[in-house]
Amino acid sequence: MAQPAKAILWVDDEADLLEPHRLLLGDRGYRVQIATNADDALELLRRDPYDLVLLDEQMPGTRGLDAYKDIRELAPALPVVMVTKSEEDATLKEAIGANVRDYLVKPVTPRQVLTVVTRILDGPLIRSQAMARAFVERFRAIEAERYQGLDWRGWIDRFAELMQWDVDLADAGETGLHESLKGLYPDMQREFATFIRREYPRWLAALDGDRPPLSVDVVAEFLLPVLARDRKALFVVIDCLRLDQWRVLEPLLAPMFEVETTHYYSILPTATPYARNALFSGLFPGEIAERHPHWWGERDDETLNAHERDLLGAHLTDLGVQAAVRYQKITTAMDAAELERHLPAAIAGDGVHAFVFNFVDMLTHGRSESMILYEVAKDEVALRALTRQWFERSALVALLREASRRGISVVVTSDHGALHCNTPATVFAKRDATANLRYKFGEDIRAERESQALHVASPEDFRLPPRAPGTHLLLATGDSFFVYPTKLREYQGRYRGSFLHGGVSPEECILPVALLTPKR
């Protein structure tokens, strides 16, 4: 069924000069109604719906900008294009300040008017159609190429591409194409697990060889050059931030910073006690336990991150850098308010100012405990939207705004990502097994289906701290989460559909690290 022609109301006292414009717009399928003054225009708007108003600024009687205010009261969402003979900056600024959709200076040609009208009324559809064509073409290529030949750089490129498509298709409302894209993910996750099973031990065995940047490299490779250049840098870690979440935050930073984003791989397990300590210390967990046993002992995992500032200071010393280290962890609303109250002091002085923001991690964990959060953040698209809403009003954006104002460069990253998990994977273990859902240490531990887990017979081979003799490590692959045979129904009901981390997937392992350089 053909769509009705879109209606344009053109308000101009020189109606006889508009005929060429009206004819061209009519040929392109638009219906144009002419009004010669503001009062008639408002009466027409009360009677009939219109899709766009072209409004002359200089008319007898009510001037265009005054008429614009009346139009906004009558139809707040109606786009208005101001058309004027005036080239004065004051008129232009007044129109922009009033939030007109576009601004044309007479004389204008029919083609100029058509371009503006098409961009406003049909631009979203044209862009959506172009995106759909590009995606369908790329989708077929990805299906044909598969994943087997990808090295670590290829995996970064492929995953970053898929995450950008995920964001773009969801934002464009292309539900069908977005579902087609998600259909690629199980195969991607399966092939990535195979890749990591083969390559990760090789990376750790030959750290000087061809390997990606890992958690232990972030400070040396990305933070240290900024510190050497400026003698000062902000280091921001957003706990549990996925690459697609970073993609929706990136545009919000463009007015303040030049943003350069690259990527690194989290160490395994992709969980805070291991990945974030490695991030700050430049050491693998086994090396932390050996060199700094007083900062790593057999204790509850939550306390294993109690010495991040100390680890960062020791790491800088090992790198031959003498720099002050200041550290803040923002977990509660009170922490955030305290930071905002003392922003200038929080980033005063040379050295490294490190900040850890825990909101995203708390949001992903909280879904399992709160039905309200579960419904609000029901999938990846909703999680991105919540992350953006938090960021826009957060102490983090206030911190970044202050850094931009003061000309301070910032390195932003995450310690690990998270995966939307829907498949229970039964494991068999003794009572000593740890309780984590995407990774488990335990004696004689094994998964019922080998395809759902990466089994590590000797955790020390992954540069992890030694445990009791016979302790093995299981890392969940795909979208699985570990359950016990005796608690199968309880775990399924509680954790199916949760965002979890600690396992092996691109969503957990491949992470953004961005350099934010203040715009002058």
Protein backbone atom coordinates (compact mmCIF):
# COMPACT_ATOMS: atom_id res chain seq x y z
CA MET A 1 0.00 0.00 0.00
CA ALA A 2 1.41 3.40 -1.06
CA GLN A 3 2.27 5.83 1.71
CA PRO A 4 0.36 9.16 1.69
CA ALA A 5 2.31 12.17 0.40
CA LYS A 6 4.11 14.09 3.13
CA ALA A 7 2.62 17.53 3.71
CA ILE A 8 4.64 20.75 3.77
CA LEU A 9 3.31 24.11 4.92
CA TRP A 10 5.22 27.03 3.38
CA VAL A 11 4.63 30.38 5.09
CA ASP A 12 5.76 33.32 2.94
CA ASP A 13 4.07 36.59 1.92
CA GLU A 14 5.66 36.34 -1.56
CA ALA A 15 3.54 33.38 -2.60
CA ASP A 16 3.83 34.08 -6.33
CA LEU A 17 7.59 33.40 -6.18
CA LEU A 18 7.13 29.93 -4.68
CA GLU A 19 5.58 28.22 -7.72
CA PRO A 20 8.84 26.69 -9.07
CA HIS A 21 9.56 25.29 -5.62
CA ARG A 22 6.05 23.90 -5.26
CA LEU A 23 6.21 22.21 -8.68
CA LEU A 24 9.54 20.49 -7.98
CA LEU A 25 8.47 19.36 -4.52
CA GLY A 26 5.19 18.09 -6.01
CA ASP A 27 7.09 16.11 -8.66
CA ARG A 28 9.05 14.44 -5.84
CA GLY A 29 5.88 13.37 -4.07
CA TYR A 30 5.44 16.12 -1.49
CA ARG A 31 2.17 18.02 -1.00
CA VAL A 32 2.75 21.77 -0.52
CA GLN A 33 0.26 24.18 1.07
CA ILE A 34 0.99 27.94 0.94
CA ALA A 35 0.11 30.45 3.67
CA THR A 36 0.94 34.16 3.20
CA ASN A 37 0.98 35.13 6.89
CA ALA A 38 1.49 33.66 10.33
CA ASP A 39 -2.19 33.80 11.38
CA ASP A 40 -3.34 31.77 8.37
CA ALA A 41 -0.51 29.30 8.96
CA LEU A 42 -1.55 28.68 12.54
CA GLU A 43 -5.17 28.17 11.47
CA LEU A 44 -4.06 25.58 8.89
CA LEU A 45 -1.96 23.81 11.50
CA ARG A 46 -4.96 23.59 13.81
CA ARG A 47 -7.05 21.98 11.05
CA ASP A 48 -4.62 19.58 9.37
CA PRO A 49 -1.43 17.67 10.24
CA TYR A 50 1.80 18.67 8.49
CA ASP A 51 5.20 17.03 8.36
CA LEU A 52 7.34 20.16 7.88
CA VAL A 53 7.02 23.95 7.93
CA LEU A 54 9.09 26.30 5.76
CA LEU A 55 8.84 29.65 7.53
CA ASP A 56 9.82 33.07 6.13
CA GLU A 57 11.47 35.15 8.83
CA GLN A 58 10.65 38.61 7.40
CA MET A 59 6.91 38.95 6.80
CA PRO A 60 4.46 41.80 7.39
CA GLY A 61 2.77 41.44 10.75
CA THR A 62 4.08 38.67 12.96
CA ARG A 63 7.76 38.01 12.22
CA GLY A 64 8.90 34.48 11.56
CA LEU A 65 10.70 33.84 14.84
CA ASP A 66 7.65 34.99 16.81
CA ALA A 67 5.43 32.77 14.67
CA TYR A 68 7.88 29.90 15.32
CA LYS A 69 7.18 30.13 19.06
CA ASP A 70 3.44 29.82 18.39
CA ILE A 71 4.05 26.83 16.10
CA ARG A 72 6.13 25.10 18.79
CA GLU A 73 3.30 25.51 21.29
CA LEU A 74 0.82 24.07 18.81
CA ALA A 75 3.03 21.23 17.48
CA PRO A 76 6.21 20.77 19.59
CA ALA A 77 7.66 17.97 17.44
CA LEU A 78 6.99 19.59 14.04
CA PRO A 79 10.29 20.42 12.24
CA VAL A 80 10.59 24.03 11.08
CA VAL A 81 13.05 25.40 8.52
CA MET A 82 13.63 29.17 8.68
CA VAL A 83 13.92 30.94 5.31
CA THR A 84 15.17 34.53 5.41
CA LYS A 85 16.77 37.31 3.37
CA SER A 86 18.84 38.38 6.36
CA GLU A 87 22.49 37.35 6.49
CA GLU A 88 23.05 39.03 9.83
CA ASP A 89 24.75 36.88 12.45
CA ALA A 90 22.26 38.02 15.09
CA THR A 91 19.31 36.59 13.12
CA LEU A 92 21.16 33.32 12.49
CA LYS A 93 22.10 32.94 16.15
CA GLU A 94 18.56 33.76 17.26
CA ALA A 95 17.18 31.08 14.94
CA ILE A 96 19.72 28.49 16.09
CA GLY A 97 19.05 29.43 19.71
CA ALA A 98 15.33 28.86 19.11
CA ASN A 99 16.23 25.34 17.89
CA VAL A 100 14.93 25.57 14.32
CA ARG A 101 15.69 22.41 12.37
CA ASP A 102 17.50 24.17 9.51
CA TYR A 103 18.19 27.66 8.11
CA LEU A 104 18.14 28.88 4.49
CA VAL A 105 19.18 32.32 3.22
CA LYS A 106 17.33 33.75 0.20
CA PRO A 107 17.60 33.61 -2.70
CA VAL A 108 17.25 29.82 -2.67
CA THR A 109 16.89 27.49 -5.64
CA PRO A 110 14.23 24.78 -5.85
CA ARG A 111 17.04 22.18 -5.65
CA GLN A 112 18.36 23.67 -2.38
CA VAL A 113 14.90 23.52 -0.85
CA LEU A 114 14.36 19.97 -2.09
CA THR A 115 17.66 18.90 -0.53
CA VAL A 116 16.73 20.26 2.89
CA VAL A 117 13.20 18.83 2.74
CA THR A 118 14.46 15.40 1.65
CA ARG A 119 17.12 15.31 4.37
CA ILE A 120 14.61 16.13 7.10
CA LEU A 121 11.59 14.10 5.96
CA ASP A 122 13.20 11.14 4.22
CA GLY A 123 16.75 11.16 5.57
CA PRO A 124 16.16 8.54 8.28
CA LEU A 125 14.48 6.19 5.80
CA ILE A 126 17.19 6.70 3.17
CA ARG A 127 19.93 6.06 5.74
CA SER A 128 18.10 3.01 7.06
CA GLN A 129 17.73 1.56 3.57
CA ALA A 130 21.40 2.20 2.80
CA MET A 131 22.41 0.57 6.09
CA ALA A 132 20.20 -2.44 5.37
CA ARG A 133 21.74 -2.93 1.92
CA ALA A 134 25.28 -2.61 3.31
CA PHE A 135 24.54 -5.03 6.14
CA VAL A 136 22.96 -7.67 3.92
CA GLU A 137 26.00 -7.56 1.64
CA ARG A 138 28.42 -7.76 4.58
CA PHE A 139 26.34 -10.44 6.33
CA ARG A 140 26.72 -12.75 3.33
CA ALA A 141 30.47 -12.13 3.25
CA ILE A 142 30.86 -12.89 6.96
CA GLU A 143 28.85 -16.11 6.59
CA ALA A 144 31.13 -17.15 3.74
CA GLU A 145 34.39 -16.12 5.44
CA ARG A 146 33.61 -17.74 8.81
CA TYR A 147 36.22 -17.42 11.59
CA GLN A 148 38.79 -20.17 11.25
CA GLY A 149 41.52 -18.10 9.60
CA LEU A 150 41.43 -15.17 12.03
CA ASP A 151 44.46 -14.28 14.13
CA TRP A 152 44.20 -12.10 17.24
CA ARG A 153 44.08 -8.93 15.14
CA GLY A 154 41.45 -10.42 12.88
CA TRP A 155 39.31 -11.33 15.88
CA ILE A 156 39.47 -7.77 17.16
CA ASP A 157 38.48 -6.39 13.76
CA ARG A 158 35.64 -8.88 13.29
CA PHE A 159 34.22 -8.47 16.77
CA ALA A 160 34.47 -4.66 16.63
CA GLU A 161 32.64 -4.71 13.29
CA LEU A 162 29.85 -6.92 14.61
CA MET A 163 29.42 -4.76 17.71
CA GLN A 164 29.14 -1.63 15.56
CA TRP A 165 26.51 -3.33 13.40
CA ASP A 166 24.71 -4.37 16.58
CA VAL A 167 24.55 -0.77 17.80
CA ASP A 168 23.63 0.70 14.40
CA LEU A 169 20.91 -1.81 13.54
CA ALA A 170 19.31 -1.53 16.97
CA ASP A 171 19.38 2.28 16.83
CA ALA A 172 17.82 2.22 13.36
CA GLY A 173 15.00 -0.03 14.52
CA GLU A 174 15.98 -2.75 12.04
CA THR A 175 14.63 -5.55 14.22
CA GLY A 176 14.71 -8.28 11.58
CA LEU A 177 18.28 -7.54 10.52
CA HIS A 178 19.36 -7.24 14.15
CA GLU A 179 17.99 -10.73 14.82
CA SER A 180 19.90 -12.02 11.78
CA LEU A 181 23.07 -10.49 13.19
CA LYS A 182 22.51 -12.13 16.57
CA GLY A 183 22.19 -15.43 14.74
CA LEU A 184 25.92 -15.16 13.99
CA TYR A 185 26.90 -14.97 17.66
CA PRO A 186 26.72 -18.65 18.74
CA ASP A 187 29.10 -19.65 15.95
CA MET A 188 31.36 -16.66 16.73
CA GLN A 189 31.51 -17.58 20.42
CA ARG A 190 32.21 -21.24 19.64
CA GLU A 191 35.03 -20.44 17.21
CA PHE A 192 36.51 -17.86 19.59
CA ALA A 193 36.67 -20.46 22.37
CA THR A 194 38.54 -22.79 20.01
CA PHE A 195 40.91 -19.95 19.11
CA ILE A 196 41.61 -19.08 22.75
CA ARG A 197 42.03 -22.74 23.73
CA ARG A 198 44.78 -22.99 21.11
CA GLU A 199 46.41 -19.54 21.30
CA TYR A 200 46.18 -18.31 24.91
CA PRO A 201 48.70 -20.82 26.34
CA ARG A 202 51.07 -19.94 23.48
CA TRP A 203 50.80 -16.21 24.25
CA LEU A 204 51.64 -16.81 27.91
CA ALA A 205 54.52 -19.13 27.08
CA ALA A 206 56.13 -16.58 24.72
CA LEU A 207 55.32 -13.08 25.95
CA ASP A 208 57.87 -11.61 23.55
CA GLY A 209 56.19 -13.29 20.57
CA ASP A 210 53.31 -12.23 18.35
CA ARG A 211 50.45 -11.74 20.76
CA PRO A 212 47.82 -9.12 21.56
CA PRO A 213 48.11 -6.55 24.33
CA LEU A 214 46.83 -8.23 27.49
CA SER A 215 45.62 -6.80 30.79
CA VAL A 216 49.20 -6.73 32.06
CA ASP A 217 50.26 -4.43 29.18
CA VAL A 218 47.67 -1.65 29.46
CA VAL A 219 49.54 0.68 31.82
CA ALA A 220 52.89 0.32 30.04
CA GLU A 221 51.53 0.55 26.48
CA PHE A 222 48.72 3.09 26.82
CA LEU A 223 49.06 5.08 30.05
CA LEU A 224 52.83 5.47 30.28
CA PRO A 225 53.27 7.42 26.99
CA VAL A 226 50.68 9.99 28.14
CA LEU A 227 52.36 10.31 31.51
CA ALA A 228 55.78 10.71 29.91
CA ARG A 229 54.48 13.43 27.60
CA ASP A 230 52.33 15.42 30.04
CA ARG A 231 53.69 14.35 33.47
CA LYS A 232 50.02 13.85 34.35
CA ALA A 233 47.19 11.56 33.24
CA LEU A 234 43.78 10.31 34.32
CA PHE A 235 43.34 6.53 34.26
CA VAL A 236 39.67 5.53 34.30
CA VAL A 237 38.54 1.91 34.59
CA ILE A 238 34.83 1.23 34.07
CA ASP A 239 34.26 -2.18 35.61
CA CYS A 240 32.52 -4.72 33.34
CA LEU A 241 32.10 -2.45 30.29
CA ARG A 242 31.50 -4.30 27.02
CA LEU A 243 32.74 -2.98 23.69
CA ASP A 244 29.20 -2.27 22.45
CA GLN A 245 28.51 -0.21 25.58
CA TRP A 246 31.64 1.83 24.89
CA ARG A 247 30.41 2.40 21.32
CA VAL A 248 27.31 4.24 22.60
CA LEU A 249 29.38 6.34 25.04
CA GLU A 250 32.01 7.37 22.47
CA PRO A 251 29.84 9.93 20.59
CA LEU A 252 29.04 11.70 23.87
CA LEU A 253 32.74 12.45 24.34
CA ALA A 254 33.32 13.94 20.88
CA PRO A 255 32.48 17.55 21.87
CA MET A 256 35.13 17.44 24.61
CA PHE A 257 37.89 15.13 23.32
CA GLU A 258 39.61 13.68 20.34
CA VAL A 259 38.90 9.99 20.93
CA GLU A 260 41.27 7.24 19.75
CA THR A 261 40.01 3.75 20.57
CA THR A 262 42.01 0.56 20.29
CA HIS A 263 41.59 -2.84 21.97
CA TYR A 264 43.25 -5.38 24.21
CA TYR A 265 42.48 -8.89 25.52
CA SER A 266 41.61 -9.59 29.14
CA ILE A 267 43.57 -12.28 30.89
CA LEU A 268 41.70 -15.41 32.04
CA PRO A 269 39.56 -15.75 34.07
CA THR A 270 37.78 -12.60 32.85
CA ALA A 271 36.77 -11.66 36.37
CA THR A 272 37.57 -8.64 38.52
CA PRO A 273 39.94 -10.31 41.07
CA TYR A 274 42.17 -11.52 38.26
CA ALA A 275 41.74 -9.12 35.34
CA ARG A 276 41.68 -5.83 37.23
CA ASN A 277 44.59 -6.68 39.49
CA ALA A 278 46.56 -7.61 36.37
CA LEU A 279 45.52 -4.31 34.79
CA PHE A 280 46.89 -2.21 37.66
CA SER A 281 49.92 -4.31 38.52
CA GLY A 282 51.25 -5.31 35.10
CA LEU A 283 51.60 -8.79 36.60
CA PHE A 284 49.71 -12.04 36.15
CA PRO A 285 47.86 -13.15 39.29
CA GLY A 286 50.42 -15.87 39.98
CA GLU A 287 53.18 -13.26 39.91
CA ILE A 288 51.22 -10.98 42.25
CA ALA A 289 50.80 -13.81 44.73
CA GLU A 290 54.51 -14.57 44.54
CA ARG A 291 55.90 -11.01 44.71
CA HIS A 292 53.26 -9.41 46.92
CA PRO A 293 51.76 -12.19 49.06
CA HIS A 294 50.51 -9.61 51.58
CA TRP A 295 48.30 -8.18 48.79
CA TRP A 296 47.07 -11.57 47.59
CA GLY A 297 46.12 -14.36 49.94
CA GLU A 298 43.59 -17.11 50.34
CA ARG A 299 40.58 -14.97 51.13
CA ASP A 300 37.22 -13.98 49.77
CA ASP A 301 37.49 -12.80 46.13
CA GLU A 302 35.87 -9.45 46.93
CA THR A 303 38.87 -8.42 49.05
CA LEU A 304 41.42 -9.40 46.43
CA ASN A 305 41.06 -5.93 44.85
CA ALA A 306 41.80 -4.03 48.04
CA HIS A 307 45.33 -3.06 46.98
CA GLU A 308 44.90 -1.68 43.47
CA ARG A 309 46.53 1.64 44.32
CA ASP A 310 49.53 -0.16 45.83
CA LEU A 311 49.82 -2.43 42.81
CA LEU A 312 49.70 0.52 40.41
CA GLY A 313 52.40 2.36 42.38
CA ALA A 314 54.63 -0.72 42.42
CA HIS A 315 54.04 -1.22 38.70
CA LEU A 316 55.12 2.33 37.87
CA THR A 317 58.21 1.90 40.02
CA ASP A 318 59.05 -1.31 38.13
CA LEU A 319 58.72 0.68 34.90
CA GLY A 320 61.21 3.24 36.23
CA VAL A 321 58.60 5.96 36.66
CA GLN A 322 58.59 8.15 39.72
CA ALA A 323 55.08 9.57 39.84
CA ALA A 324 52.49 10.25 42.49
CA VAL A 325 49.53 7.86 42.42
CA ARG A 326 46.08 8.91 43.55
CA TYR A 327 43.25 6.41 43.49
CA GLN A 328 39.48 6.52 44.01
CA LYS A 329 36.86 3.81 43.68
CA ILE A 330 33.32 5.03 43.02
CA THR A 331 30.80 2.40 44.06
CA THR A 332 27.91 4.19 45.77
CA ALA A 333 25.88 7.34 45.13
CA MET A 334 27.67 8.84 48.14
CA ASP A 335 31.05 8.14 46.52
CA ALA A 336 29.87 9.81 43.31
CA ALA A 337 28.54 12.88 45.13
CA GLU A 338 31.77 13.20 47.08
CA LEU A 339 33.82 13.08 43.87
CA GLU A 340 31.67 15.74 42.19
CA ARG A 341 31.96 18.04 45.20
CA HIS A 342 35.76 17.91 45.05
CA LEU A 343 36.48 17.56 41.32
CA PRO A 344 39.26 20.19 41.08
CA ALA A 345 41.09 18.70 44.05
CA ALA A 346 40.55 15.15 42.78
CA ILE A 347 42.64 15.80 39.67
CA ALA A 348 45.07 18.42 41.00
CA GLY A 349 48.80 17.88 40.76
CA ASP A 350 51.05 15.81 38.52
CA GLY A 351 51.15 12.02 38.40
CA VAL A 352 48.49 9.38 37.81
CA HIS A 353 44.92 9.94 38.97
CA ALA A 354 43.22 6.53 38.83
CA PHE A 355 39.47 6.05 39.12
CA VAL A 356 37.41 2.86 39.17
CA PHE A 357 33.68 3.18 38.44
CA ASN A 358 31.63 0.16 39.50
CA PHE A 359 28.13 1.10 38.31
CA VAL A 360 28.03 -1.07 35.16
CA ASP A 361 29.27 -4.11 37.07
CA MET A 362 26.68 -3.52 39.78
CA LEU A 363 23.99 -3.20 37.13
CA THR A 364 24.89 -6.49 35.46
CA HIS A 365 25.10 -8.33 38.79
CA GLY A 366 21.95 -6.67 40.11
CA ARG A 367 19.80 -8.10 37.31
CA SER A 368 20.06 -11.53 38.93
CA GLU A 369 18.77 -10.21 42.24
CA SER A 370 16.13 -7.68 41.15
CA MET A 371 13.13 -8.40 38.92
CA ILE A 372 12.82 -4.68 38.18
CA LEU A 373 16.40 -4.46 36.89
CA TYR A 374 15.92 -7.74 35.04
CA GLU A 375 12.97 -6.31 33.13
CA VAL A 376 14.56 -2.90 32.51
CA ALA A 377 17.88 -4.38 31.31
CA LYS A 378 16.38 -7.40 29.59
CA ASP A 379 18.96 -7.68 26.78
CA GLU A 380 22.09 -6.12 25.33
CA VAL A 381 20.20 -3.25 23.67
CA ALA A 382 18.48 -2.29 26.92
CA LEU A 383 21.76 -2.63 28.84
CA ARG A 384 23.42 -0.20 26.43
CA ALA A 385 20.58 2.29 26.86
CA LEU A 386 20.84 2.12 30.66
CA THR A 387 24.60 2.53 30.50
CA ARG A 388 24.22 5.64 28.38
CA GLN A 389 21.56 7.12 30.67
CA TRP A 390 23.78 6.53 33.69
CA PHE A 391 26.82 8.04 31.96
CA GLU A 392 25.03 11.22 30.88
CA ARG A 393 24.24 12.14 34.49
CA SER A 394 27.16 10.45 36.23
CA ALA A 395 30.11 11.65 38.24
CA LEU A 396 32.24 10.10 35.48
CA VAL A 397 31.03 12.53 32.80
CA ALA A 398 31.51 15.39 35.27
CA LEU A 399 35.08 14.17 35.85
CA LEU A 400 35.77 13.96 32.12
CA ARG A 401 34.27 17.40 31.52
CA GLU A 402 36.57 18.86 34.18
CA ALA A 403 39.57 17.05 32.68
CA SER A 404 38.74 18.43 29.24
CA ARG A 405 38.40 21.95 30.63
CA ARG A 406 41.80 21.67 32.30
CA GLY A 407 43.48 20.12 29.26
CA ILE A 408 44.22 16.77 30.94
CA SER A 409 44.43 13.65 28.78
CA VAL A 410 42.55 10.55 29.90
CA VAL A 411 43.00 6.82 29.30
CA VAL A 412 39.67 4.97 29.63
CA THR A 413 39.29 1.21 29.63
CA SER A 414 37.54 -1.73 31.26
CA ASP A 415 38.83 -4.77 33.10
CA HIS A 416 36.48 -7.31 31.50
CA GLY A 417 33.15 -7.53 29.70
CA ALA A 418 30.06 -9.64 30.29
CA LEU A 419 27.95 -12.11 28.33
CA HIS A 420 24.19 -12.64 28.19
CA CYS A 421 24.01 -16.28 29.35
CA ASN A 422 21.08 -18.58 28.66
CA THR A 423 22.46 -22.13 28.55
CA PRO A 424 23.02 -24.12 31.78
CA ALA A 425 26.13 -26.32 31.73
CA THR A 426 26.18 -29.12 34.28
CA VAL A 427 29.45 -29.56 36.19
CA PHE A 428 30.56 -32.26 38.58
CA ALA A 429 32.80 -31.18 41.46
CA LYS A 430 33.65 -31.82 45.07
CA ARG A 431 32.59 -29.51 47.86
CA ASP A 432 35.76 -27.46 47.58
CA ALA A 433 34.76 -26.00 44.19
CA THR A 434 34.37 -22.24 43.99
CA ALA A 435 30.91 -20.77 43.50
CA ASN A 436 31.50 -18.68 40.37
CA LEU A 437 29.10 -19.19 37.45
CA ARG A 438 31.46 -18.68 34.48
CA TYR A 439 34.66 -20.08 36.01
CA LYS A 440 35.34 -22.63 38.75
CA PHE A 441 38.36 -23.93 40.59
CA GLY A 442 38.04 -27.35 42.16
CA GLU A 443 39.53 -30.78 42.62
CA ASP A 444 38.59 -33.26 39.88
CA ILE A 445 36.12 -30.76 38.44
CA ARG A 446 34.67 -31.46 34.98
CA ALA A 447 31.85 -30.37 32.71
CA GLU A 448 29.24 -32.84 31.51
CA ARG A 449 29.70 -31.53 27.95
CA GLU A 450 33.27 -30.67 26.95
CA SER A 451 32.03 -28.18 24.33
CA GLN A 452 30.64 -25.93 27.08
CA ALA A 453 33.90 -25.38 28.96
CA LEU A 454 37.63 -24.90 28.56
CA HIS A 455 39.32 -27.30 30.98
CA VAL A 456 42.68 -26.27 32.47
CA ALA A 457 44.32 -29.15 34.30
CA SER A 458 47.04 -26.92 35.78
CA PRO A 459 45.94 -23.34 36.58
CA GLU A 460 49.60 -22.40 37.05
CA ASP A 461 49.98 -22.79 33.27
CA PHE A 462 47.67 -19.78 32.97
CA ARG A 463 49.95 -17.87 35.38
CA LEU A 464 47.41 -18.12 38.20
CA PRO A 465 48.27 -18.49 41.90
CA PRO A 466 48.91 -22.06 43.04
CA ARG A 467 46.08 -23.85 44.80
CA ALA A 468 45.73 -27.22 46.47
CA PRO A 469 47.22 -30.19 44.59
CA GLY A 470 44.80 -31.59 42.01
CA THR A 471 42.91 -28.31 41.58
CA HIS A 472 41.65 -27.76 38.04
CA LEU A 473 40.07 -24.73 36.37
CA LEU A 474 36.92 -24.67 34.22
CA LEU A 475 36.12 -21.66 32.06
CA ALA A 476 32.65 -21.45 30.53
CA THR A 477 32.41 -21.01 26.76
CA GLY A 478 29.52 -19.93 24.57
CA ASP A 479 26.58 -18.51 26.52
CA SER A 480 26.72 -21.21 29.19
CA PHE A 481 26.72 -20.85 32.96
CA PHE A 482 27.70 -23.57 35.42
CA VAL A 483 25.09 -25.48 37.43
CA TYR A 484 25.27 -28.49 39.71
CA PRO A 485 23.09 -31.57 39.05
CA THR A 486 21.53 -31.26 42.51
CA LYS A 487 20.61 -27.58 42.01
CA LEU A 488 19.81 -27.56 38.32
CA ARG A 489 16.29 -26.09 38.54
CA GLU A 490 17.26 -23.51 41.18
CA TYR A 491 20.21 -22.20 39.14
CA GLN A 492 18.26 -22.20 35.89
CA GLY A 493 15.47 -20.14 37.39
CA ARG A 494 17.81 -17.69 39.06
CA TYR A 495 20.56 -17.16 36.50
CA ARG A 496 19.19 -17.91 33.03
CA GLY A 497 19.29 -14.64 31.07
CA SER A 498 21.88 -13.05 33.39
CA PHE A 499 24.89 -11.07 32.26
CA LEU A 500 27.90 -12.93 33.63
CA HIS A 501 31.67 -12.83 33.28
CA GLY A 502 34.71 -14.93 34.05
CA GLY A 503 34.55 -17.16 30.99
CA VAL A 504 35.77 -17.21 27.41
CA SER A 505 33.90 -15.13 24.83
CA PRO A 506 34.69 -12.08 22.70
CA GLU A 507 32.20 -10.10 24.79
CA GLU A 508 34.23 -10.80 27.95
CA CYS A 509 37.74 -10.81 26.46
CA ILE A 510 38.04 -8.13 23.75
CA LEU A 511 37.94 -4.74 25.43
CA PRO A 512 38.25 -1.08 24.46
CA VAL A 513 41.07 1.15 25.63
CA ALA A 514 40.73 4.78 24.57
CA LEU A 515 42.94 7.84 24.67
CA LEU A 516 40.94 11.02 25.21
CA THR A 517 42.85 14.14 24.20
CA PRO A 518 41.13 17.42 25.16
CA LYS A 519 40.03 19.59 22.26
CA ARG A 520 41.57 23.04 22.24
